[in-house]
Amino acid sequence: MTFERGSSYLINYGSFSKVATFVETEDGKNLFFDLDGEFVFSDEFLTQGKVILSRLKEE
């Protein structure tokens, strides 16, 4: 999956959702941050479909 640096994404975990900002990709690891801090989703994890990421439109 391709992400755009600085863009906001809605992350749907199935039972809840949250908004995070994409920072960078390095070695198949996608770094995001939200109010709780930084976290990583690997490309491999994202292809499993356990979470759904949708880019939010910027106004």
PDB file of N, CA and C in Angstrom:
ATOM      1  N   MET A   1       0.848  -1.178   0.000  1.00  0.00           N
ATOM      2  CA  MET A   1       0.000   0.000   0.000  1.00  0.00           C
ATOM      3  C   MET A   1       0.892   1.239   0.000  1.00  0.00           C
ATOM      4  N   THR A   2       0.483   2.250  -0.734  1.00  0.00           N
ATOM      5  CA  THR A   2       1.242   3.483  -0.824  1.00  0.00           C
ATOM      6  C   THR A   2       0.568   4.554   0.029  1.00  0.00           C
ATOM      7  N   PHE A   3       1.355   5.208   0.861  1.00  0.00           N
ATOM      8  CA  PHE A   3       0.840   6.268   1.728  1.00  0.00           C
ATOM      9  C   PHE A   3       1.521   7.578   1.373  1.00  0.00           C
ATOM     10  N   GLU A   4       0.832   8.690   1.646  1.00  0.00           N
ATOM     11  CA  GLU A   4       1.390  10.003   1.361  1.00  0.00           C
ATOM     12  C   GLU A   4       1.821  10.675   2.660  1.00  0.00           C
ATOM     13  N   ARG A   5       3.097  11.035   2.714  1.00  0.00           N
ATOM     14  CA  ARG A   5       3.672  11.646   3.911  1.00  0.00           C
ATOM     15  C   ARG A   5       2.870  12.874   4.346  1.00  0.00           C
ATOM     16  N   GLY A   6       2.543  12.922   5.642  1.00  0.00           N
ATOM     17  CA  GLY A   6       1.814  14.050   6.207  1.00  0.00           C
ATOM     18  C   GLY A   6       0.308  13.950   6.078  1.00  0.00           C
ATOM     19  N   SER A   7      -0.185  12.951   5.374  1.00  0.00           N
ATOM     20  CA  SER A   7      -1.633  12.788   5.196  1.00  0.00           C
ATOM     21  C   SER A   7      -2.236  12.038   6.378  1.00  0.00           C
ATOM     22  N   SER A   8      -3.511  12.312   6.620  1.00  0.00           N
ATOM     23  CA  SER A   8      -4.241  11.655   7.701  1.00  0.00           C
ATOM     24  C   SER A   8      -5.002  10.451   7.160  1.00  0.00           C
ATOM     25  N   TYR A   9      -5.037   9.396   7.965  1.00  0.00           N
ATOM     26  CA  TYR A   9      -5.709   8.155   7.585  1.00  0.00           C
ATOM     27  C   TYR A   9      -6.634   7.709   8.701  1.00  0.00           C
ATOM     28  N   LEU A  10      -7.808   7.226   8.319  1.00  0.00           N
ATOM     29  CA  LEU A  10      -8.725   6.595   9.255  1.00  0.00           C
ATOM     30  C   LEU A  10      -8.344   5.127   9.311  1.00  0.00           C
ATOM     31  N   ILE A  11      -8.059   4.635  10.506  1.00  0.00           N
ATOM     32  CA  ILE A  11      -7.664   3.244  10.691  1.00  0.00           C
ATOM     33  C   ILE A  11      -8.815   2.526  11.379  1.00  0.00           C
ATOM     34  N   ASN A  12      -9.394   1.569  10.664  1.00  0.00           N
ATOM     35  CA  ASN A  12     -10.535   0.803  11.174  1.00  0.00           C
ATOM     36  C   ASN A  12     -10.035  -0.550  11.670  1.00  0.00           C
ATOM     37  N   TYR A  13     -10.153  -0.751  12.982  1.00  0.00           N
ATOM     38  CA  TYR A  13      -9.714  -2.002  13.602  1.00  0.00           C
ATOM     39  C   TYR A  13     -10.846  -3.017  13.706  1.00  0.00           C
ATOM     40  N   GLY A  14     -12.015  -2.684  13.216  1.00  0.00           N
ATOM     41  CA  GLY A  14     -13.164  -3.577  13.292  1.00  0.00           C
ATOM     42  C   GLY A  14     -14.084  -3.185  14.430  1.00  0.00           C
ATOM     43  N   SER A  15     -13.563  -3.119  15.649  1.00  0.00           N
ATOM     44  CA  SER A  15     -14.383  -2.749  16.805  1.00  0.00           C
ATOM     45  C   SER A  15     -14.266  -1.261  17.136  1.00  0.00           C
ATOM     46  N   PHE A  16     -13.255  -0.587  16.598  1.00  0.00           N
ATOM     47  CA  PHE A  16     -13.109   0.854  16.788  1.00  0.00           C
ATOM     48  C   PHE A  16     -12.236   1.411  15.668  1.00  0.00           C
ATOM     49  N   SER A  17     -12.257   2.732  15.536  1.00  0.00           N
ATOM     50  CA  SER A  17     -11.457   3.412  14.521  1.00  0.00           C
ATOM     51  C   SER A  17     -10.719   4.575  15.163  1.00  0.00           C
ATOM     52  N   LYS A  18      -9.623   4.991  14.538  1.00  0.00           N
ATOM     53  CA  LYS A  18      -8.920   6.187  14.990  1.00  0.00           C
ATOM     54  C   LYS A  18      -8.237   6.833  13.795  1.00  0.00           C
ATOM     55  N   VAL A  19      -7.858   8.087  13.974  1.00  0.00           N
ATOM     56  CA  VAL A  19      -7.184   8.843  12.922  1.00  0.00           C
ATOM     57  C   VAL A  19      -5.708   8.952  13.275  1.00  0.00           C
ATOM     58  N   ALA A  20      -4.853   8.752  12.277  1.00  0.00           N
ATOM     59  CA  ALA A  20      -3.407   8.871  12.458  1.00  0.00           C
ATOM     60  C   ALA A  20      -2.799   9.548  11.238  1.00  0.00           C
ATOM     61  N   THR A  21      -1.626  10.100  11.423  1.00  0.00           N
ATOM     62  CA  THR A  21      -0.890  10.768  10.358  1.00  0.00           C
ATOM     63  C   THR A  21       0.280   9.893   9.925  1.00  0.00           C
ATOM     64  N   PHE A  22       0.437   9.749   8.618  1.00  0.00           N
ATOM     65  CA  PHE A  22       1.539   8.950   8.087  1.00  0.00           C
ATOM     66  C   PHE A  22       2.830   9.761   8.113  1.00  0.00           C
ATOM     67  N   VAL A  23       3.928   9.092   8.535  1.00  0.00           N
ATOM     68  CA  VAL A  23       5.227   9.753   8.621  1.00  0.00           C
ATOM     69  C   VAL A  23       6.155   9.289   7.501  1.00  0.00           C
ATOM     70  N   GLU A  24       6.454   7.976   7.445  1.00  0.00           N
ATOM     71  CA  GLU A  24       7.373   7.466   6.430  1.00  0.00           C
ATOM     72  C   GLU A  24       7.298   5.949   6.344  1.00  0.00           C
ATOM     73  N   THR A  25       7.862   5.423   5.252  1.00  0.00           N
ATOM     74  CA  THR A  25       8.011   3.983   5.059  1.00  0.00           C
ATOM     75  C   THR A  25       9.491   3.670   4.951  1.00  0.00           C
ATOM     76  N   GLU A  26       9.901   2.626   5.668  1.00  0.00           N
ATOM     77  CA  GLU A  26      11.288   2.181   5.586  1.00  0.00           C
ATOM     78  C   GLU A  26      11.321   0.667   5.745  1.00  0.00           C
ATOM     79  N   ASP A  27      11.901  -0.009   4.773  1.00  0.00           N
ATOM     80  CA  ASP A  27      12.049  -1.469   4.807  1.00  0.00           C
ATOM     81  C   ASP A  27      10.720  -2.191   5.038  1.00  0.00           C
ATOM     82  N   GLY A  28       9.652  -1.721   4.375  1.00  0.00           N
ATOM     83  CA  GLY A  28       8.355  -2.376   4.493  1.00  0.00           C
ATOM     84  C   GLY A  28       7.617  -2.079   5.782  1.00  0.00           C
ATOM     85  N   LYS A  29       8.094  -1.102   6.544  1.00  0.00           N
ATOM     86  CA  LYS A  29       7.445  -0.703   7.796  1.00  0.00           C
ATOM     87  C   LYS A  29       6.925   0.719   7.636  1.00  0.00           C
ATOM     88  N   ASN A  30       5.644   0.895   7.915  1.00  0.00           N
ATOM     89  CA  ASN A  30       4.963   2.168   7.714  1.00  0.00           C
ATOM     90  C   ASN A  30       4.733   2.838   9.066  1.00  0.00           C
ATOM     91  N   LEU A  31       5.381   3.984   9.276  1.00  0.00           N
ATOM     92  CA  LEU A  31       5.326   4.692  10.541  1.00  0.00           C
ATOM     93  C   LEU A  31       4.197   5.715  10.527  1.00  0.00           C
ATOM     94  N   PHE A  32       3.364   5.659  11.559  1.00  0.00           N
ATOM     95  CA  PHE A  32       2.259   6.596  11.764  1.00  0.00           C
ATOM     96  C   PHE A  32       2.379   7.185  13.159  1.00  0.00           C
ATOM     97  N   PHE A  33       1.656   8.284  13.405  1.00  0.00           N
ATOM     98  CA  PHE A  33       1.525   8.772  14.768  1.00  0.00           C
ATOM     99  C   PHE A  33       0.123   9.299  14.990  1.00  0.00           C
ATOM    100  N   ASP A  34      -0.301   9.228  16.251  1.00  0.00           N
ATOM    101  CA  ASP A  34      -1.595   9.768  16.673  1.00  0.00           C
ATOM    102  C   ASP A  34      -1.407  10.366  18.066  1.00  0.00           C
ATOM    103  N   LEU A  35      -2.494  10.619  18.774  1.00  0.00           N
ATOM    104  CA  LEU A  35      -2.413  11.224  20.100  1.00  0.00           C
ATOM    105  C   LEU A  35      -1.660  10.354  21.102  1.00  0.00           C
ATOM    106  N   ASP A  36      -1.616   9.050  20.869  1.00  0.00           N
ATOM    107  CA  ASP A  36      -0.945   8.125  21.784  1.00  0.00           C
ATOM    108  C   ASP A  36       0.532   7.931  21.452  1.00  0.00           C
ATOM    109  N   GLY A  37       1.004   8.478  20.351  1.00  0.00           N
ATOM    110  CA  GLY A  37       2.404   8.349  19.969  1.00  0.00           C
ATOM    111  C   GLY A  37       2.576   7.661  18.625  1.00  0.00           C
ATOM    112  N   GLU A  38       3.805   7.184  18.382  1.00  0.00           N
ATOM    113  CA  GLU A  38       4.139   6.548  17.108  1.00  0.00           C
ATOM    114  C   GLU A  38       3.848   5.046  17.148  1.00  0.00           C
ATOM    115  N   PHE A  39       3.526   4.507  15.960  1.00  0.00           N
ATOM    116  CA  PHE A  39       3.318   3.069  15.820  1.00  0.00           C
ATOM    117  C   PHE A  39       3.584   2.680  14.371  1.00  0.00           C
ATOM    118  N   VAL A  40       3.795   1.382  14.157  1.00  0.00           N
ATOM    119  CA  VAL A  40       4.182   0.874  12.842  1.00  0.00           C
ATOM    120  C   VAL A  40       3.232  -0.226  12.403  1.00  0.00           C
ATOM    121  N   PHE A  41       2.874  -0.200  11.120  1.00  0.00           N
ATOM    122  CA  PHE A  41       2.183  -1.309  10.461  1.00  0.00           C
ATOM    123  C   PHE A  41       3.121  -1.813   9.372  1.00  0.00           C
ATOM    124  N   SER A  42       3.445  -3.081   9.384  1.00  0.00           N
ATOM    125  CA  SER A  42       4.268  -3.632   8.303  1.00  0.00           C
ATOM    126  C   SER A  42       3.396  -3.865   7.074  1.00  0.00           C
ATOM    127  N   ASP A  43       4.029  -3.864   5.899  1.00  0.00           N
ATOM    128  CA  ASP A  43       3.298  -4.171   4.671  1.00  0.00           C
ATOM    129  C   ASP A  43       2.660  -5.551   4.773  1.00  0.00           C
ATOM    130  N   GLU A  44       3.383  -6.494   5.347  1.00  0.00           N
ATOM    131  CA  GLU A  44       2.875  -7.866   5.497  1.00  0.00           C
ATOM    132  C   GLU A  44       1.596  -7.890   6.340  1.00  0.00           C
ATOM    133  N   PHE A  45       1.585  -7.158   7.453  1.00  0.00           N
ATOM    134  CA  PHE A  45       0.396  -7.103   8.306  1.00  0.00           C
ATOM    135  C   PHE A  45      -0.780  -6.485   7.555  1.00  0.00           C
ATOM    136  N   LEU A  46      -0.528  -5.396   6.825  1.00  0.00           N
ATOM    137  CA  LEU A  46      -1.610  -4.716   6.117  1.00  0.00           C
ATOM    138  C   LEU A  46      -2.231  -5.597   5.034  1.00  0.00           C
ATOM    139  N   THR A  47      -1.439  -6.445   4.390  1.00  0.00           N
ATOM    140  CA  THR A  47      -1.987  -7.318   3.346  1.00  0.00           C
ATOM    141  C   THR A  47      -2.899  -8.396   3.924  1.00  0.00           C
ATOM    142  N   GLN A  48      -2.844  -8.626   5.223  1.00  0.00           N
ATOM    143  CA  GLN A  48      -3.716  -9.611   5.879  1.00  0.00           C
ATOM    144  C   GLN A  48      -5.140  -9.089   6.033  1.00  0.00           C
ATOM    145  N   GLY A  49      -5.342  -7.775   5.908  1.00  0.00           N
ATOM    146  CA  GLY A  49      -6.680  -7.191   5.979  1.00  0.00           C
ATOM    147  C   GLY A  49      -7.266  -7.119   7.377  1.00  0.00           C
ATOM    148  N   LYS A  50      -6.440  -7.195   8.409  1.00  0.00           N
ATOM    149  CA  LYS A  50      -6.939  -7.134   9.787  1.00  0.00           C
ATOM    150  C   LYS A  50      -7.331  -5.725  10.196  1.00  0.00           C
ATOM    151  N   VAL A  51      -6.759  -4.740   9.534  1.00  0.00           N
ATOM    152  CA  VAL A  51      -7.158  -3.344   9.703  1.00  0.00           C
ATOM    153  C   VAL A  51      -7.358  -2.759   8.312  1.00  0.00           C
ATOM    154  N   ILE A  52      -8.204  -1.745   8.231  1.00  0.00           N
ATOM    155  CA  ILE A  52      -8.475  -1.085   6.957  1.00  0.00           C
ATOM    156  C   ILE A  52      -8.087   0.380   7.104  1.00  0.00           C
ATOM    157  N   LEU A  53      -7.227   0.857   6.221  1.00  0.00           N
ATOM    158  CA  LEU A  53      -6.794   2.252   6.249  1.00  0.00           C
ATOM    159  C   LEU A  53      -7.397   2.992   5.066  1.00  0.00           C
ATOM    160  N   SER A  54      -7.956   4.150   5.357  1.00  0.00           N
ATOM    161  CA  SER A  54      -8.541   5.014   4.319  1.00  0.00           C
ATOM    162  C   SER A  54      -7.996   6.415   4.483  1.00  0.00           C
ATOM    163  N   ARG A  55      -7.501   6.965   3.396  1.00  0.00           N
ATOM    164  CA  ARG A  55      -6.983   8.333   3.452  1.00  0.00           C
ATOM    165  C   ARG A  55      -8.137   9.313   3.596  1.00  0.00           C
ATOM    166  N   LEU A  56      -7.994  10.259   4.506  1.00  0.00           N
ATOM    167  CA  LEU A  56      -9.007  11.280   4.715  1.00  0.00           C
ATOM    168  C   LEU A  56      -8.767  12.430   3.762  1.00  0.00           C
ATOM    169  N   LYS A  57      -9.855  12.995   3.264  1.00  0.00           N
ATOM    170  CA  LYS A  57      -9.736  14.154   2.381  1.00  0.00           C
ATOM    171  C   LYS A  57      -9.312  15.362   3.193  1.00  0.00           C
ATOM    172  N   GLU A  58      -8.394  16.146   2.638  1.00  0.00           N
ATOM    173  CA  GLU A  58      -7.928  17.340   3.304  1.00  0.00           C
ATOM    174  C   GLU A  58      -8.714  18.536   2.814  1.00  0.00           C
ATOM    175  N   GLU A  59      -9.046  19.405   3.737  1.00  0.00           N
ATOM    176  CA  GLU A  59      -9.852  20.588   3.384  1.00  0.00           C
ATOM    177  C   GLU A  59      -9.007  21.796   3.237  1.00  0.00           C
TER     178      GLU A  59
END
